[in-house]
Amino acid sequence: MADNHVTECIVHRLVKKQYERIAEVDLRSAPLVVNESVQRLTDHLTNLYGGRAGKGYGRFEDNENEYPTQKYLRQHIVERNTDFLSFSTQIMDHLKIEAAKEQFATGGYVLIAKISSDSSDYLLVAIVTEVVGSAITEDLNIVDSPHLDMTHLRVAGRIDLTAWMAGAERYISFLKGRSNIADYFKLFLGCNDILKPIEETRKLVAALEQFATNQNLECTTRDQFPESAYRYLTGLDINEPLSLETMSNHLWPDAPETLQQYLANEEIGLSDGFVPDRRAAKGLMNFEGKTVHWNLSFKRSGLRSGQVLYDRTRDTIILSGIPKHLHDELMEESRTDDK
């Protein structure tokens, strides 16, 4: 896991009651001093966010008047016209407007942090709520003890600042959840998450294949896993969105969180809720390739059964178990070439 270095951080409060169309903000007057407590909290939120599978991915909308977060970010990061406090105040004002439009949205503490990790910089925005637990005092009395609810992170997003400035295709991620709450937060970020089913399905196929490889499964189980995934994907209704959580529970029932966390890896960038493309899903069953001289298609299980052998040193593919009619045709063709 990469080390996260918090460079700037602040916490504001969003005041909003469910079902009400009014939202307010309670703003902190200065950024936080980045100490061990701030780093620890941010690390925990980052790890919690990274392990969640139900994410959407996208880029900024072009209309900065309607979706101003990119404009505020550019003024702060690129043009350097605003400091971190001013930037955080600007986006809080925008968050207040979008939250007021969503009746199911609720308030909480809004953590805004700039993070450096390896060779990339990120902006993390997360809304954390408070819950009341119990504590025992030194004189053994039981008292209420308010604390941050870190187990139910529902509203958060992350912007890869390095990828954004480099002009990447996608650089925003956000928690999608199962309600309209994610929609208002997506609008606050100004994220365009238009999905391309073929591309998303291809990413899913590659991720499932790699997951199975990483598990060091026996050959039979290794073959059954992608076949089960193919049957699951093609068994969905034609326009039914894919839930990565539900699929993980079905394909890896003994430890579904293991598969969920693997698919949640932001390096894979797999969106939740896309409609699988059935043609692309065939990649779970078949391997296809072609050059100007040949087309080749075979079941992936053939690689593990030994009937299809790829020689890496000579970069050749060897097929065995040739049926008699194909053998006869090849023999006849080779005799023709010899003349």
C-alpha atoms as a PDB file:
ATOM      1  CA  MET A   1       0.000   0.000   0.000  1.00  0.00           C
ATOM      2  CA  ALA A   2       1.355   3.384  -0.989  1.00  0.00           C
ATOM      3  CA  ASP A   3       2.261   5.905   1.709  1.00  0.00           C
ATOM      4  CA  ASN A   4      -0.067   8.905   1.851  1.00  0.00           C
ATOM      5  CA  HIS A   5       1.415  12.244   2.837  1.00  0.00           C
ATOM      6  CA  VAL A   6      -1.146  14.881   3.796  1.00  0.00           C
ATOM      7  CA  THR A   7       0.065  18.279   2.609  1.00  0.00           C
ATOM      8  CA  GLU A   8      -3.022  20.367   3.516  1.00  0.00           C
ATOM      9  CA  CYS A   9      -6.228  19.525   5.346  1.00  0.00           C
ATOM     10  CA  ILE A  10      -9.289  21.251   6.738  1.00  0.00           C
ATOM     11  CA  VAL A  11     -12.621  20.229   8.249  1.00  0.00           C
ATOM     12  CA  HIS A  12     -15.849  22.190   7.806  1.00  0.00           C
ATOM     13  CA  ARG A  13     -19.389  21.258   8.807  1.00  0.00           C
ATOM     14  CA  LEU A  14     -22.368  20.802   6.505  1.00  0.00           C
ATOM     15  CA  VAL A  15     -25.619  21.434   8.397  1.00  0.00           C
ATOM     16  CA  LYS A  16     -28.512  19.664   6.684  1.00  0.00           C
ATOM     17  CA  LYS A  17     -31.465  17.652   7.955  1.00  0.00           C
ATOM     18  CA  GLN A  18     -33.001  14.878   5.918  1.00  0.00           C
ATOM     19  CA  TYR A  19     -36.139  15.858   3.955  1.00  0.00           C
ATOM     20  CA  GLU A  20     -35.390  19.560   4.368  1.00  0.00           C
ATOM     21  CA  ARG A  21     -34.475  21.749   1.400  1.00  0.00           C
ATOM     22  CA  ILE A  22     -32.213  24.041   3.405  1.00  0.00           C
ATOM     23  CA  ALA A  23     -28.473  23.561   4.007  1.00  0.00           C
ATOM     24  CA  GLU A  24     -25.934  25.697   5.824  1.00  0.00           C
ATOM     25  CA  VAL A  25     -22.202  25.517   6.406  1.00  0.00           C
ATOM     26  CA  ASP A  26     -20.104  26.061   9.518  1.00  0.00           C
ATOM     27  CA  LEU A  27     -16.644  27.019   8.296  1.00  0.00           C
ATOM     28  CA  ARG A  28     -13.329  26.595  10.049  1.00  0.00           C
ATOM     29  CA  SER A  29     -11.227  29.770   9.994  1.00  0.00           C
ATOM     30  CA  ALA A  30      -7.872  28.154   9.167  1.00  0.00           C
ATOM     31  CA  PRO A  31      -6.452  24.887   7.814  1.00  0.00           C
ATOM     32  CA  LEU A  32      -5.555  22.189  10.290  1.00  0.00           C
ATOM     33  CA  VAL A  33      -2.009  21.633  11.430  1.00  0.00           C
ATOM     34  CA  VAL A  34      -1.047  18.335   9.826  1.00  0.00           C
ATOM     35  CA  ASN A  35      -0.088  16.296  12.872  1.00  0.00           C
ATOM     36  CA  GLU A  36      -0.231  12.574  13.646  1.00  0.00           C
ATOM     37  CA  SER A  37      -3.964  12.691  14.405  1.00  0.00           C
ATOM     38  CA  VAL A  38      -4.797  14.376  11.078  1.00  0.00           C
ATOM     39  CA  GLN A  39      -2.543  11.958   9.189  1.00  0.00           C
ATOM     40  CA  ARG A  40      -4.050   8.955  10.980  1.00  0.00           C
ATOM     41  CA  LEU A  41      -7.639  10.021  10.263  1.00  0.00           C
ATOM     42  CA  THR A  42      -6.875  10.767   6.621  1.00  0.00           C
ATOM     43  CA  ASP A  43      -5.046   7.458   6.203  1.00  0.00           C
ATOM     44  CA  HIS A  44      -8.033   5.631   7.647  1.00  0.00           C
ATOM     45  CA  LEU A  45     -10.484   7.395   5.349  1.00  0.00           C
ATOM     46  CA  THR A  46      -8.236   6.814   2.335  1.00  0.00           C
ATOM     47  CA  ASN A  47      -7.939   3.091   3.065  1.00  0.00           C
ATOM     48  CA  LEU A  48     -11.661   2.796   3.755  1.00  0.00           C
ATOM     49  CA  TYR A  49     -12.462   4.608   0.528  1.00  0.00           C
ATOM     50  CA  GLY A  50      -9.998   2.539  -1.480  1.00  0.00           C
ATOM     51  CA  GLY A  51     -11.575  -0.697  -0.286  1.00  0.00           C
ATOM     52  CA  ARG A  52     -15.089   0.194  -1.382  1.00  0.00           C
ATOM     53  CA  ALA A  53     -16.186  -1.476  -4.628  1.00  0.00           C
ATOM     54  CA  GLY A  54     -19.239   0.674  -5.403  1.00  0.00           C
ATOM     55  CA  LYS A  55     -17.492   3.557  -7.154  1.00  0.00           C
ATOM     56  CA  GLY A  56     -18.138   5.641 -10.229  1.00  0.00           C
ATOM     57  CA  TYR A  57     -15.383   7.111 -12.389  1.00  0.00           C
ATOM     58  CA  GLY A  58     -15.302  10.078 -14.725  1.00  0.00           C
ATOM     59  CA  ARG A  59     -13.963  13.514 -15.574  1.00  0.00           C
ATOM     60  CA  PHE A  60     -15.046  17.114 -15.041  1.00  0.00           C
ATOM     61  CA  GLU A  61     -18.048  18.429 -16.930  1.00  0.00           C
ATOM     62  CA  ASP A  62     -17.178  21.096 -19.501  1.00  0.00           C
ATOM     63  CA  ASN A  63     -19.733  23.643 -18.242  1.00  0.00           C
ATOM     64  CA  GLU A  64     -17.854  25.367 -15.405  1.00  0.00           C
ATOM     65  CA  ASN A  65     -20.634  27.838 -14.729  1.00  0.00           C
ATOM     66  CA  GLU A  66     -23.002  25.054 -13.738  1.00  0.00           C
ATOM     67  CA  TYR A  67     -20.269  22.789 -12.345  1.00  0.00           C
ATOM     68  CA  PRO A  68     -17.661  25.191 -10.869  1.00  0.00           C
ATOM     69  CA  THR A  69     -15.484  22.776  -8.860  1.00  0.00           C
ATOM     70  CA  GLN A  70     -12.960  22.445 -11.697  1.00  0.00           C
ATOM     71  CA  LYS A  71     -12.757  26.242 -11.997  1.00  0.00           C
ATOM     72  CA  TYR A  72     -12.108  26.613  -8.260  1.00  0.00           C
ATOM     73  CA  LEU A  73      -9.506  23.861  -8.394  1.00  0.00           C
ATOM     74  CA  ARG A  74      -7.712  25.402 -11.369  1.00  0.00           C
ATOM     75  CA  GLN A  75      -7.631  28.813  -9.654  1.00  0.00           C
ATOM     76  CA  HIS A  76      -6.049  27.169  -6.608  1.00  0.00           C
ATOM     77  CA  ILE A  77      -3.727  24.545  -8.119  1.00  0.00           C
ATOM     78  CA  VAL A  78      -2.753  25.941 -11.522  1.00  0.00           C
ATOM     79  CA  GLU A  79      -3.218  29.712 -11.401  1.00  0.00           C
ATOM     80  CA  ARG A  80      -2.445  29.949  -7.655  1.00  0.00           C
ATOM     81  CA  ASN A  81      -4.922  32.799  -7.234  1.00  0.00           C
ATOM     82  CA  THR A  82      -6.497  31.304  -4.106  1.00  0.00           C
ATOM     83  CA  ASP A  83      -5.063  29.605  -1.047  1.00  0.00           C
ATOM     84  CA  PHE A  84      -6.303  26.316   0.380  1.00  0.00           C
ATOM     85  CA  LEU A  85      -8.671  27.964   2.853  1.00  0.00           C
ATOM     86  CA  SER A  86     -10.328  30.072   0.140  1.00  0.00           C
ATOM     87  CA  PHE A  87     -10.608  27.059  -2.157  1.00  0.00           C
ATOM     88  CA  SER A  88     -12.226  24.954   0.567  1.00  0.00           C
ATOM     89  CA  THR A  89     -14.692  27.767   1.310  1.00  0.00           C
ATOM     90  CA  GLN A  90     -15.654  28.031  -2.355  1.00  0.00           C
ATOM     91  CA  ILE A  91     -16.406  24.341  -2.744  1.00  0.00           C
ATOM     92  CA  MET A  92     -18.291  24.265   0.577  1.00  0.00           C
ATOM     93  CA  ASP A  93     -20.605  26.991  -0.724  1.00  0.00           C
ATOM     94  CA  HIS A  94     -21.186  24.883  -3.832  1.00  0.00           C
ATOM     95  CA  LEU A  95     -21.716  21.727  -1.738  1.00  0.00           C
ATOM     96  CA  LYS A  96     -24.344  23.582   0.316  1.00  0.00           C
ATOM     97  CA  ILE A  97     -26.277  24.440  -2.855  1.00  0.00           C
ATOM     98  CA  GLU A  98     -26.246  20.876  -4.203  1.00  0.00           C
ATOM     99  CA  ALA A  99     -27.075  19.311  -0.813  1.00  0.00           C
ATOM    100  CA  ALA A 100     -30.097  21.585  -0.408  1.00  0.00           C
ATOM    101  CA  LYS A 101     -31.535  20.196  -3.645  1.00  0.00           C
ATOM    102  CA  GLU A 102     -31.430  16.589  -2.379  1.00  0.00           C
ATOM    103  CA  GLN A 103     -34.065  15.861   0.280  1.00  0.00           C
ATOM    104  CA  PHE A 104     -32.337  12.677   1.462  1.00  0.00           C
ATOM    105  CA  ALA A 105     -28.967  14.360   2.010  1.00  0.00           C
ATOM    106  CA  THR A 106     -27.812  14.855   5.583  1.00  0.00           C
ATOM    107  CA  GLY A 107     -25.038  16.945   7.080  1.00  0.00           C
ATOM    108  CA  GLY A 108     -21.764  15.983   8.673  1.00  0.00           C
ATOM    109  CA  TYR A 109     -18.131  16.913   8.983  1.00  0.00           C
ATOM    110  CA  VAL A 110     -16.584  17.597   5.580  1.00  0.00           C
ATOM    111  CA  LEU A 111     -12.913  16.644   5.444  1.00  0.00           C
ATOM    112  CA  ILE A 112     -10.992  18.166   2.533  1.00  0.00           C
ATOM    113  CA  ALA A 113      -7.402  17.007   2.147  1.00  0.00           C
ATOM    114  CA  LYS A 114      -4.618  17.295  -0.391  1.00  0.00           C
ATOM    115  CA  ILE A 115      -2.573  14.112  -0.416  1.00  0.00           C
ATOM    116  CA  SER A 116       0.688  13.104  -2.083  1.00  0.00           C
ATOM    117  CA  SER A 117       1.093   9.382  -2.756  1.00  0.00           C
ATOM    118  CA  ASP A 118       4.033   8.003  -4.753  1.00  0.00           C
ATOM    119  CA  SER A 119       4.227  10.175  -7.867  1.00  0.00           C
ATOM    120  CA  SER A 120       0.642  11.479  -7.784  1.00  0.00           C
ATOM    121  CA  ASP A 121      -1.267  14.168  -5.911  1.00  0.00           C
ATOM    122  CA  TYR A 122      -4.917  13.791  -4.903  1.00  0.00           C
ATOM    123  CA  LEU A 123      -7.767  15.777  -3.432  1.00  0.00           C
ATOM    124  CA  LEU A 124      -9.985  13.808  -1.056  1.00  0.00           C
ATOM    125  CA  VAL A 125     -13.403  15.111   0.008  1.00  0.00           C
ATOM    126  CA  ALA A 126     -15.377  12.994   2.483  1.00  0.00           C
ATOM    127  CA  ILE A 127     -18.436  13.647   4.624  1.00  0.00           C
ATOM    128  CA  VAL A 128     -18.201  11.890   7.974  1.00  0.00           C
ATOM    129  CA  THR A 129     -21.054  11.749  10.466  1.00  0.00           C
ATOM    130  CA  GLU A 130     -20.952  11.595  14.235  1.00  0.00           C
ATOM    131  CA  VAL A 131     -22.424   8.855  16.413  1.00  0.00           C
ATOM    132  CA  VAL A 132     -22.802   8.575  20.158  1.00  0.00           C
ATOM    133  CA  GLY A 133     -21.173   5.620  21.889  1.00  0.00           C
ATOM    134  CA  SER A 134     -20.363   4.888  25.495  1.00  0.00           C
ATOM    135  CA  ALA A 135     -17.214   5.354  27.540  1.00  0.00           C
ATOM    136  CA  ILE A 136     -16.171   4.507  31.093  1.00  0.00           C
ATOM    137  CA  THR A 137     -14.548   7.306  33.091  1.00  0.00           C
ATOM    138  CA  GLU A 138     -11.668   7.009  35.532  1.00  0.00           C
ATOM    139  CA  ASP A 139     -14.140   6.787  38.409  1.00  0.00           C
ATOM    140  CA  LEU A 140     -15.958   3.961  36.566  1.00  0.00           C
ATOM    141  CA  ASN A 141     -19.011   5.914  35.475  1.00  0.00           C
ATOM    142  CA  ILE A 142     -20.605   5.325  32.075  1.00  0.00           C
ATOM    143  CA  VAL A 143     -20.996   8.439  29.935  1.00  0.00           C
ATOM    144  CA  ASP A 144     -21.936   9.261  26.373  1.00  0.00           C
ATOM    145  CA  SER A 145     -18.950   9.540  24.063  1.00  0.00           C
ATOM    146  CA  PRO A 146     -19.523  11.141  20.645  1.00  0.00           C
ATOM    147  CA  HIS A 147     -17.108   9.970  17.936  1.00  0.00           C
ATOM    148  CA  LEU A 148     -16.787   9.888  14.169  1.00  0.00           C
ATOM    149  CA  ASP A 149     -18.626   7.049  12.463  1.00  0.00           C
ATOM    150  CA  MET A 150     -15.869   5.524  10.355  1.00  0.00           C
ATOM    151  CA  THR A 151     -17.745   2.330   9.501  1.00  0.00           C
ATOM    152  CA  HIS A 152     -20.472   3.881   7.351  1.00  0.00           C
ATOM    153  CA  LEU A 153     -18.652   6.114   4.877  1.00  0.00           C
ATOM    154  CA  ARG A 154     -21.311   6.857   2.276  1.00  0.00           C
ATOM    155  CA  VAL A 155     -20.330  10.171   0.702  1.00  0.00           C
ATOM    156  CA  ALA A 156     -16.792  10.693  -0.590  1.00  0.00           C
ATOM    157  CA  GLY A 157     -14.859  11.424  -3.752  1.00  0.00           C
ATOM    158  CA  ARG A 158     -11.280  11.649  -4.889  1.00  0.00           C
ATOM    159  CA  ILE A 159      -9.673  13.664  -7.697  1.00  0.00           C
ATOM    160  CA  ASP A 160      -6.336  12.565  -9.115  1.00  0.00           C
ATOM    161  CA  LEU A 161      -4.812  16.018  -9.536  1.00  0.00           C
ATOM    162  CA  THR A 162      -1.786  14.723 -11.424  1.00  0.00           C
ATOM    163  CA  ALA A 163      -3.922  12.865 -13.973  1.00  0.00           C
ATOM    164  CA  TRP A 164      -6.271  15.861 -14.293  1.00  0.00           C
ATOM    165  CA  MET A 165      -3.445  18.252 -15.126  1.00  0.00           C
ATOM    166  CA  ALA A 166      -1.972  15.700 -17.549  1.00  0.00           C
ATOM    167  CA  GLY A 167      -5.255  15.584 -19.505  1.00  0.00           C
ATOM    168  CA  ALA A 168      -6.160  11.990 -18.664  1.00  0.00           C
ATOM    169  CA  GLU A 169      -9.514  10.581 -19.792  1.00  0.00           C
ATOM    170  CA  ARG A 170     -10.745   9.822 -16.253  1.00  0.00           C
ATOM    171  CA  TYR A 171      -9.420  11.172 -12.972  1.00  0.00           C
ATOM    172  CA  ILE A 172     -12.423  11.483 -10.616  1.00  0.00           C
ATOM    173  CA  SER A 173     -13.879   8.698  -8.506  1.00  0.00           C
ATOM    174  CA  PHE A 174     -16.781   8.792  -6.060  1.00  0.00           C
ATOM    175  CA  LEU A 175     -18.858   6.412  -3.958  1.00  0.00           C
ATOM    176  CA  LYS A 176     -22.047   5.538  -5.791  1.00  0.00           C
ATOM    177  CA  GLY A 177     -23.987   3.785  -3.029  1.00  0.00           C
ATOM    178  CA  ARG A 178     -27.563   2.650  -3.512  1.00  0.00           C
ATOM    179  CA  SER A 179     -29.474   5.886  -3.220  1.00  0.00           C
ATOM    180  CA  ASN A 180     -29.822   9.357  -4.722  1.00  0.00           C
ATOM    181  CA  ILE A 181     -27.320  10.703  -2.207  1.00  0.00           C
ATOM    182  CA  ALA A 182     -24.412   9.915  -4.523  1.00  0.00           C
ATOM    183  CA  ASP A 183     -26.068  11.905  -7.311  1.00  0.00           C
ATOM    184  CA  TYR A 184     -25.905  15.234  -5.509  1.00  0.00           C
ATOM    185  CA  PHE A 185     -22.288  14.623  -4.541  1.00  0.00           C
ATOM    186  CA  LYS A 186     -21.436  13.753  -8.145  1.00  0.00           C
ATOM    187  CA  LEU A 187     -23.020  17.051  -9.209  1.00  0.00           C
ATOM    188  CA  PHE A 188     -21.002  18.848  -6.527  1.00  0.00           C
ATOM    189  CA  LEU A 189     -17.791  17.357  -7.917  1.00  0.00           C
ATOM    190  CA  GLY A 190     -18.939  18.185 -11.449  1.00  0.00           C
ATOM    191  CA  CYS A 191     -18.199  14.633 -12.551  1.00  0.00           C
ATOM    192  CA  ASN A 192     -19.270  13.326 -15.940  1.00  0.00           C
ATOM    193  CA  ASP A 193     -19.394   9.545 -15.482  1.00  0.00           C
ATOM    194  CA  ILE A 194     -20.738   8.452 -18.866  1.00  0.00           C
ATOM    195  CA  LEU A 195     -20.101   4.726 -19.040  1.00  0.00           C
ATOM    196  CA  LYS A 196     -18.818   2.790 -22.032  1.00  0.00           C
ATOM    197  CA  PRO A 197     -20.174  -0.741 -21.516  1.00  0.00           C
ATOM    198  CA  ILE A 198     -17.694  -2.469 -23.834  1.00  0.00           C
ATOM    199  CA  GLU A 199     -14.674  -0.874 -22.153  1.00  0.00           C
ATOM    200  CA  GLU A 200     -16.010  -1.505 -18.650  1.00  0.00           C
ATOM    201  CA  THR A 201     -16.781  -5.145 -19.486  1.00  0.00           C
ATOM    202  CA  ARG A 202     -13.307  -5.682 -20.908  1.00  0.00           C
ATOM    203  CA  LYS A 203     -11.801  -4.258 -17.729  1.00  0.00           C
ATOM    204  CA  LEU A 204     -13.999  -6.554 -15.669  1.00  0.00           C
ATOM    205  CA  VAL A 205     -12.980  -9.604 -17.729  1.00  0.00           C
ATOM    206  CA  ALA A 206      -9.280  -8.791 -17.284  1.00  0.00           C
ATOM    207  CA  ALA A 207      -9.738  -8.135 -13.550  1.00  0.00           C
ATOM    208  CA  LEU A 208     -11.580 -11.413 -12.957  1.00  0.00           C
ATOM    209  CA  GLU A 209      -8.935 -13.332 -14.907  1.00  0.00           C
ATOM    210  CA  GLN A 210      -6.142 -11.739 -12.873  1.00  0.00           C
ATOM    211  CA  PHE A 211      -7.993 -12.322  -9.605  1.00  0.00           C
ATOM    212  CA  ALA A 212      -8.347 -16.017 -10.401  1.00  0.00           C
ATOM    213  CA  THR A 213      -4.649 -16.198 -11.272  1.00  0.00           C
ATOM    214  CA  ASN A 214      -3.672 -14.499  -8.005  1.00  0.00           C
ATOM    215  CA  GLN A 215      -5.646 -17.072  -5.995  1.00  0.00           C
ATOM    216  CA  ASN A 216      -3.451 -19.948  -7.261  1.00  0.00           C
ATOM    217  CA  LEU A 217      -6.497 -22.123  -7.867  1.00  0.00           C
ATOM    218  CA  GLU A 218      -6.405 -25.709  -9.027  1.00  0.00           C
ATOM    219  CA  CYS A 219      -6.929 -26.122 -12.776  1.00  0.00           C
ATOM    220  CA  THR A 220     -10.546 -27.281 -12.521  1.00  0.00           C
ATOM    221  CA  THR A 221     -11.558 -24.490 -10.155  1.00  0.00           C
ATOM    222  CA  ARG A 222      -9.511 -22.029 -12.204  1.00  0.00           C
ATOM    223  CA  ASP A 223     -11.555 -22.937 -15.294  1.00  0.00           C
ATOM    224  CA  GLN A 224     -14.877 -22.891 -13.469  1.00  0.00           C
ATOM    225  CA  PHE A 225     -14.450 -19.373 -12.089  1.00  0.00           C
ATOM    226  CA  PRO A 226     -14.520 -17.422 -15.397  1.00  0.00           C
ATOM    227  CA  GLU A 227     -17.226 -19.739 -16.711  1.00  0.00           C
ATOM    228  CA  SER A 228     -19.373 -18.950 -13.654  1.00  0.00           C
ATOM    229  CA  ALA A 229     -18.693 -15.244 -14.159  1.00  0.00           C
ATOM    230  CA  TYR A 230     -19.748 -15.501 -17.815  1.00  0.00           C
ATOM    231  CA  ARG A 231     -22.984 -17.287 -16.905  1.00  0.00           C
ATOM    232  CA  TYR A 232     -23.701 -14.669 -14.245  1.00  0.00           C
ATOM    233  CA  LEU A 233     -23.142 -11.707 -16.561  1.00  0.00           C
ATOM    234  CA  THR A 234     -25.141 -13.171 -19.436  1.00  0.00           C
ATOM    235  CA  GLY A 235     -27.894 -14.201 -17.019  1.00  0.00           C
ATOM    236  CA  LEU A 236     -28.654 -10.584 -16.145  1.00  0.00           C
ATOM    237  CA  ASP A 237     -31.560  -8.875 -17.851  1.00  0.00           C
ATOM    238  CA  ILE A 238     -30.599  -7.055 -21.046  1.00  0.00           C
ATOM    239  CA  ASN A 239     -30.482  -3.577 -19.493  1.00  0.00           C
ATOM    240  CA  GLU A 240     -29.810  -4.567 -15.878  1.00  0.00           C
ATOM    241  CA  PRO A 241     -26.902  -2.649 -14.254  1.00  0.00           C
ATOM    242  CA  LEU A 242     -24.194  -4.770 -12.686  1.00  0.00           C
ATOM    243  CA  SER A 243     -23.715  -4.639  -8.922  1.00  0.00           C
ATOM    244  CA  LEU A 244     -20.114  -5.568  -8.136  1.00  0.00           C
ATOM    245  CA  GLU A 245     -21.092  -6.392  -4.550  1.00  0.00           C
ATOM    246  CA  THR A 246     -23.861  -8.789  -5.606  1.00  0.00           C
ATOM    247  CA  MET A 247     -21.632 -10.389  -8.214  1.00  0.00           C
ATOM    248  CA  SER A 248     -18.841 -10.868  -5.661  1.00  0.00           C
ATOM    249  CA  ASN A 249     -21.256 -12.551  -3.250  1.00  0.00           C
ATOM    250  CA  HIS A 250     -22.286 -14.924  -6.032  1.00  0.00           C
ATOM    251  CA  LEU A 251     -18.860 -15.734  -7.494  1.00  0.00           C
ATOM    252  CA  TRP A 252     -16.806 -15.843  -4.291  1.00  0.00           C
ATOM    253  CA  PRO A 253     -19.342 -16.686  -1.552  1.00  0.00           C
ATOM    254  CA  ASP A 254     -16.834 -17.893   1.045  1.00  0.00           C
ATOM    255  CA  ALA A 255     -14.991 -14.548   1.123  1.00  0.00           C
ATOM    256  CA  PRO A 256     -16.850 -12.043  -1.083  1.00  0.00           C
ATOM    257  CA  GLU A 257     -15.053  -9.070   0.472  1.00  0.00           C
ATOM    258  CA  THR A 258     -11.791 -10.397  -0.999  1.00  0.00           C
ATOM    259  CA  LEU A 259     -13.127 -10.113  -4.545  1.00  0.00           C
ATOM    260  CA  GLN A 260     -14.896  -6.819  -3.781  1.00  0.00           C
ATOM    261  CA  GLN A 261     -11.696  -5.227  -2.526  1.00  0.00           C
ATOM    262  CA  TYR A 262      -9.755  -6.456  -5.544  1.00  0.00           C
ATOM    263  CA  LEU A 263     -12.301  -4.990  -7.953  1.00  0.00           C
ATOM    264  CA  ALA A 264     -12.296  -1.748  -5.924  1.00  0.00           C
ATOM    265  CA  ASN A 265      -8.643  -1.094  -6.786  1.00  0.00           C
ATOM    266  CA  GLU A 266      -8.570   2.344  -8.393  1.00  0.00           C
ATOM    267  CA  GLU A 267      -5.753   1.242 -10.684  1.00  0.00           C
ATOM    268  CA  ILE A 268      -8.349  -0.997 -12.333  1.00  0.00           C
ATOM    269  CA  GLY A 269     -10.826   1.894 -12.409  1.00  0.00           C
ATOM    270  CA  LEU A 270     -13.886  -0.344 -12.671  1.00  0.00           C
ATOM    271  CA  SER A 271     -17.204   1.507 -12.413  1.00  0.00           C
ATOM    272  CA  ASP A 272     -20.132   0.052 -10.533  1.00  0.00           C
ATOM    273  CA  GLY A 273     -23.572  -0.012 -12.135  1.00  0.00           C
ATOM    274  CA  PHE A 274     -22.693  -0.416 -15.819  1.00  0.00           C
ATOM    275  CA  VAL A 275     -24.671  -2.727 -18.116  1.00  0.00           C
ATOM    276  CA  PRO A 276     -22.330  -5.564 -19.198  1.00  0.00           C
ATOM    277  CA  ASP A 277     -21.674  -6.000 -22.900  1.00  0.00           C
ATOM    278  CA  ARG A 278     -22.324  -9.656 -23.723  1.00  0.00           C
ATOM    279  CA  ARG A 279     -19.930  -9.749 -26.643  1.00  0.00           C
ATOM    280  CA  ALA A 280     -17.067  -8.433 -24.512  1.00  0.00           C
ATOM    281  CA  ALA A 281     -18.023 -10.892 -21.739  1.00  0.00           C
ATOM    282  CA  LYS A 282     -17.106 -13.767 -24.091  1.00  0.00           C
ATOM    283  CA  GLY A 283     -13.527 -12.938 -23.204  1.00  0.00           C
ATOM    284  CA  LEU A 284     -14.121 -14.883 -19.988  1.00  0.00           C
ATOM    285  CA  MET A 285     -14.582 -18.030 -22.067  1.00  0.00           C
ATOM    286  CA  ASN A 286     -12.579 -17.521 -25.252  1.00  0.00           C
ATOM    287  CA  PHE A 287      -9.276 -16.079 -26.310  1.00  0.00           C
ATOM    288  CA  GLU A 288      -9.226 -14.497 -29.742  1.00  0.00           C
ATOM    289  CA  GLY A 289      -6.432 -13.044 -31.819  1.00  0.00           C
ATOM    290  CA  LYS A 290      -5.535 -12.452 -35.429  1.00  0.00           C
ATOM    291  CA  THR A 291      -2.862 -11.288 -37.816  1.00  0.00           C
ATOM    292  CA  VAL A 292      -2.965 -10.717 -41.574  1.00  0.00           C
ATOM    293  CA  HIS A 293      -2.305 -14.452 -42.044  1.00  0.00           C
ATOM    294  CA  TRP A 294      -4.519 -16.166 -39.445  1.00  0.00           C
ATOM    295  CA  ASN A 295      -7.466 -15.897 -37.060  1.00  0.00           C
ATOM    296  CA  LEU A 296      -7.304 -17.875 -33.847  1.00  0.00           C
ATOM    297  CA  SER A 297     -10.002 -18.541 -31.256  1.00  0.00           C
ATOM    298  CA  PHE A 298      -9.853 -21.050 -28.420  1.00  0.00           C
ATOM    299  CA  LYS A 299     -11.286 -21.604 -24.975  1.00  0.00           C
ATOM    300  CA  ARG A 300      -9.072 -20.253 -22.217  1.00  0.00           C
ATOM    301  CA  SER A 301      -9.327 -23.625 -20.495  1.00  0.00           C
ATOM    302  CA  GLY A 302      -7.260 -25.003 -23.383  1.00  0.00           C
ATOM    303  CA  LEU A 303      -4.206 -23.172 -22.034  1.00  0.00           C
ATOM    304  CA  ARG A 304      -4.528 -24.980 -18.733  1.00  0.00           C
ATOM    305  CA  SER A 305      -5.413 -28.369 -20.197  1.00  0.00           C
ATOM    306  CA  GLY A 306      -2.256 -28.331 -22.337  1.00  0.00           C
ATOM    307  CA  GLN A 307      -4.030 -28.547 -25.698  1.00  0.00           C
ATOM    308  CA  VAL A 308      -2.965 -24.963 -26.358  1.00  0.00           C
ATOM    309  CA  LEU A 309       0.657 -24.261 -25.510  1.00  0.00           C
ATOM    310  CA  TYR A 310       2.315 -20.871 -25.739  1.00  0.00           C
ATOM    311  CA  ASP A 311       6.108 -21.062 -25.991  1.00  0.00           C
ATOM    312  CA  ARG A 312       7.344 -17.750 -24.651  1.00  0.00           C
ATOM    313  CA  THR A 313      10.955 -18.263 -25.683  1.00  0.00           C
ATOM    314  CA  ARG A 314      10.106 -18.835 -29.359  1.00  0.00           C
ATOM    315  CA  ASP A 315       6.883 -16.759 -29.332  1.00  0.00           C
ATOM    316  CA  THR A 316       4.888 -19.590 -30.895  1.00  0.00           C
ATOM    317  CA  ILE A 317       1.539 -21.242 -30.187  1.00  0.00           C
ATOM    318  CA  ILE A 318       1.305 -25.028 -30.369  1.00  0.00           C
ATOM    319  CA  LEU A 319      -2.087 -26.722 -30.767  1.00  0.00           C
ATOM    320  CA  SER A 320      -2.529 -30.408 -29.912  1.00  0.00           C
ATOM    321  CA  GLY A 321      -5.439 -32.816 -30.132  1.00  0.00           C
ATOM    322  CA  ILE A 322      -6.077 -31.870 -33.784  1.00  0.00           C
ATOM    323  CA  PRO A 323      -9.285 -33.593 -35.004  1.00  0.00           C
ATOM    324  CA  LYS A 324      -8.890 -36.014 -37.935  1.00  0.00           C
ATOM    325  CA  HIS A 325     -10.772 -33.919 -40.504  1.00  0.00           C
ATOM    326  CA  LEU A 326      -8.590 -30.908 -39.784  1.00  0.00           C
ATOM    327  CA  HIS A 327      -5.488 -33.087 -39.807  1.00  0.00           C
ATOM    328  CA  ASP A 328      -6.423 -34.412 -43.250  1.00  0.00           C
ATOM    329  CA  GLU A 329      -7.061 -30.909 -44.595  1.00  0.00           C
ATOM    330  CA  LEU A 330      -3.726 -29.650 -43.306  1.00  0.00           C
ATOM    331  CA  MET A 331      -1.886 -32.637 -44.749  1.00  0.00           C
ATOM    332  CA  GLU A 332      -3.506 -32.060 -48.139  1.00  0.00           C
ATOM    333  CA  GLU A 333      -2.686 -28.364 -48.035  1.00  0.00           C
ATOM    334  CA  SER A 334       0.932 -29.054 -47.146  1.00  0.00           C
ATOM    335  CA  ARG A 335       1.294 -31.489 -50.047  1.00  0.00           C
ATOM    336  CA  THR A 336      -0.053 -28.819 -52.389  1.00  0.00           C
ATOM    337  CA  ASP A 337       2.501 -26.331 -51.118  1.00  0.00           C
ATOM    338  CA  ASP A 338       5.330 -28.824 -51.678  1.00  0.00           C
ATOM    339  CA  LYS A 339       4.586 -29.098 -55.407  1.00  0.00           C
END
